[in-house]
N, C-alpha and C. Protein backbone atom coordinates (compact mmCIF):
# COMPACT_ATOMS: atom_id res chain seq x y z
N MET A 1 25.52 -150.96 -115.15
CA MET A 1 25.89 -151.59 -116.41
C MET A 1 24.95 -152.77 -116.66
N LYS A 2 24.55 -152.88 -117.89
CA LYS A 2 23.66 -153.96 -118.29
C LYS A 2 24.25 -154.65 -119.51
N LYS A 3 24.01 -155.96 -119.60
CA LYS A 3 24.52 -156.74 -120.73
C LYS A 3 23.36 -157.25 -121.57
N TYR A 4 23.51 -157.09 -122.89
CA TYR A 4 22.48 -157.51 -123.82
C TYR A 4 23.09 -158.35 -124.93
N GLY A 5 22.32 -159.28 -125.46
CA GLY A 5 22.76 -160.12 -126.56
C GLY A 5 22.14 -159.68 -127.87
N TYR A 6 22.95 -159.60 -128.92
CA TYR A 6 22.50 -159.18 -130.24
C TYR A 6 23.06 -160.12 -131.30
N HIS A 7 22.41 -160.11 -132.47
CA HIS A 7 22.91 -160.88 -133.60
C HIS A 7 24.08 -160.18 -134.27
N ARG A 8 24.05 -158.84 -134.28
CA ARG A 8 25.14 -158.08 -134.90
C ARG A 8 25.19 -156.70 -134.29
N LEU A 9 26.36 -156.06 -134.48
CA LEU A 9 26.62 -154.73 -133.95
C LEU A 9 27.19 -153.88 -135.07
N VAL A 10 26.63 -152.70 -135.28
CA VAL A 10 27.17 -151.75 -136.26
C VAL A 10 27.83 -150.63 -135.47
N LEU A 11 29.15 -150.53 -135.60
CA LEU A 11 29.91 -149.52 -134.87
C LEU A 11 29.80 -148.17 -135.57
N SER A 12 30.14 -147.10 -134.85
CA SER A 12 30.06 -145.75 -135.42
C SER A 12 30.97 -145.58 -136.63
N SER A 13 32.01 -146.40 -136.73
CA SER A 13 32.92 -146.36 -137.88
C SER A 13 32.30 -146.99 -139.13
N GLY A 14 31.16 -147.67 -138.95
CA GLY A 14 30.52 -148.35 -140.06
C GLY A 14 30.83 -149.84 -140.10
N ARG A 15 31.79 -150.26 -139.30
CA ARG A 15 32.15 -151.68 -139.24
C ARG A 15 30.98 -152.49 -138.69
N VAL A 16 30.69 -153.62 -139.34
CA VAL A 16 29.63 -154.51 -138.89
C VAL A 16 30.27 -155.73 -138.25
N VAL A 17 29.89 -156.02 -137.02
CA VAL A 17 30.40 -157.18 -136.29
C VAL A 17 29.26 -158.19 -136.22
N GLU A 18 29.48 -159.34 -136.82
CA GLU A 18 28.47 -160.41 -136.79
C GLU A 18 28.61 -161.20 -135.51
N GLY A 19 27.52 -161.54 -134.89
CA GLY A 19 27.51 -162.25 -133.62
C GLY A 19 27.18 -163.70 -133.78
N PRO A 20 26.63 -164.26 -132.75
CA PRO A 20 26.02 -163.56 -131.62
C PRO A 20 27.08 -162.92 -130.73
N LEU A 21 26.70 -161.81 -130.10
CA LEU A 21 27.63 -161.10 -129.24
C LEU A 21 26.92 -160.49 -128.05
N VAL A 22 27.72 -160.17 -127.04
CA VAL A 22 27.23 -159.55 -125.82
C VAL A 22 27.77 -158.12 -125.79
N VAL A 23 26.87 -157.17 -125.53
CA VAL A 23 27.23 -155.76 -125.47
C VAL A 23 26.93 -155.26 -124.06
N THR A 24 27.92 -154.61 -123.44
CA THR A 24 27.73 -154.01 -122.13
C THR A 24 27.46 -152.52 -122.32
N LEU A 25 26.33 -152.06 -121.78
CA LEU A 25 25.93 -150.66 -121.89
C LEU A 25 25.94 -149.99 -120.53
N ASP A 26 26.27 -148.69 -120.51
CA ASP A 26 26.18 -147.94 -119.25
C ASP A 26 24.75 -147.46 -119.05
N ASP A 27 24.51 -146.66 -118.02
CA ASP A 27 23.16 -146.20 -117.70
C ASP A 27 22.58 -145.26 -118.76
N CYS A 28 23.43 -144.70 -119.61
CA CYS A 28 22.98 -143.80 -120.69
C CYS A 28 22.95 -144.52 -122.04
N SER A 29 23.05 -145.85 -122.02
CA SER A 29 23.02 -146.70 -123.22
C SER A 29 24.22 -146.52 -124.13
N ASN A 30 25.34 -146.07 -123.59
CA ASN A 30 26.59 -146.01 -124.34
C ASN A 30 27.28 -147.36 -124.27
N VAL A 31 27.85 -147.80 -125.40
CA VAL A 31 28.56 -149.09 -125.43
C VAL A 31 29.87 -148.96 -124.66
N LEU A 32 30.04 -149.80 -123.66
CA LEU A 32 31.27 -149.83 -122.90
C LEU A 32 32.21 -150.91 -123.40
N GLU A 33 31.63 -152.03 -123.82
CA GLU A 33 32.43 -153.19 -124.20
C GLU A 33 31.55 -154.14 -124.99
N TRP A 34 32.16 -154.95 -125.84
CA TRP A 34 31.43 -156.02 -126.52
C TRP A 34 32.38 -157.18 -126.75
N HIS A 35 31.81 -158.37 -126.84
CA HIS A 35 32.59 -159.57 -127.15
C HIS A 35 31.66 -160.61 -127.75
N LEU A 36 32.26 -161.53 -128.49
CA LEU A 36 31.49 -162.60 -129.09
C LEU A 36 30.97 -163.54 -128.00
N LEU A 37 29.76 -163.99 -128.17
CA LEU A 37 29.15 -164.92 -127.23
C LEU A 37 29.64 -166.33 -127.56
N LYS A 38 30.31 -166.94 -126.60
CA LYS A 38 30.88 -168.28 -126.83
C LYS A 38 30.14 -169.36 -126.06
N GLY A 39 29.21 -168.96 -125.21
CA GLY A 39 28.44 -169.91 -124.43
C GLY A 39 27.47 -169.16 -123.54
N GLU A 40 26.73 -169.89 -122.75
CA GLU A 40 25.76 -169.27 -121.84
C GLU A 40 26.48 -168.35 -120.86
N GLU A 41 25.95 -167.12 -120.70
CA GLU A 41 26.51 -166.17 -119.74
C GLU A 41 25.40 -165.68 -118.81
N PRO A 42 25.69 -165.55 -117.53
CA PRO A 42 24.68 -165.05 -116.61
C PRO A 42 24.43 -163.56 -116.81
N MET A 43 23.23 -163.15 -116.50
CA MET A 43 22.83 -161.74 -116.49
C MET A 43 22.90 -161.06 -117.86
N VAL A 44 22.65 -161.81 -118.93
CA VAL A 44 22.60 -161.24 -120.28
C VAL A 44 21.17 -161.36 -120.78
N ALA A 45 20.57 -160.22 -121.12
CA ALA A 45 19.22 -160.21 -121.67
C ALA A 45 19.32 -160.27 -123.19
N TRP A 46 18.72 -161.31 -123.80
CA TRP A 46 18.81 -161.47 -125.25
C TRP A 46 17.80 -160.54 -125.92
N VAL A 47 18.29 -159.68 -126.83
CA VAL A 47 17.46 -158.76 -127.57
C VAL A 47 17.33 -159.26 -129.01
N GLY A 48 18.44 -159.72 -129.58
CA GLY A 48 18.45 -160.14 -130.97
C GLY A 48 18.55 -158.93 -131.89
N GLY A 49 18.53 -159.17 -133.18
CA GLY A 49 18.57 -158.07 -134.12
C GLY A 49 19.91 -157.38 -134.16
N THR A 50 19.89 -156.11 -134.57
CA THR A 50 21.10 -155.32 -134.78
C THR A 50 21.11 -154.12 -133.85
N LEU A 51 22.25 -153.87 -133.20
CA LEU A 51 22.44 -152.67 -132.40
C LEU A 51 23.33 -151.72 -133.19
N HIS A 52 22.88 -150.48 -133.37
CA HIS A 52 23.67 -149.45 -134.03
C HIS A 52 24.28 -148.59 -132.93
N ALA A 53 25.60 -148.67 -132.78
CA ALA A 53 26.28 -147.96 -131.70
C ALA A 53 26.85 -146.64 -132.17
């Protein structure tokens, strides 16, 4: 599992979640979990931009 930081997330339902937020991906790049970024978190690689899930 890897954690990445994005400015926004577009879910498969079409819902747009404005961040900043942290997205946890599995080894096949499937979204496992996401949450709003409230402060510095260890092991999060900042990507920026928009992730379309």
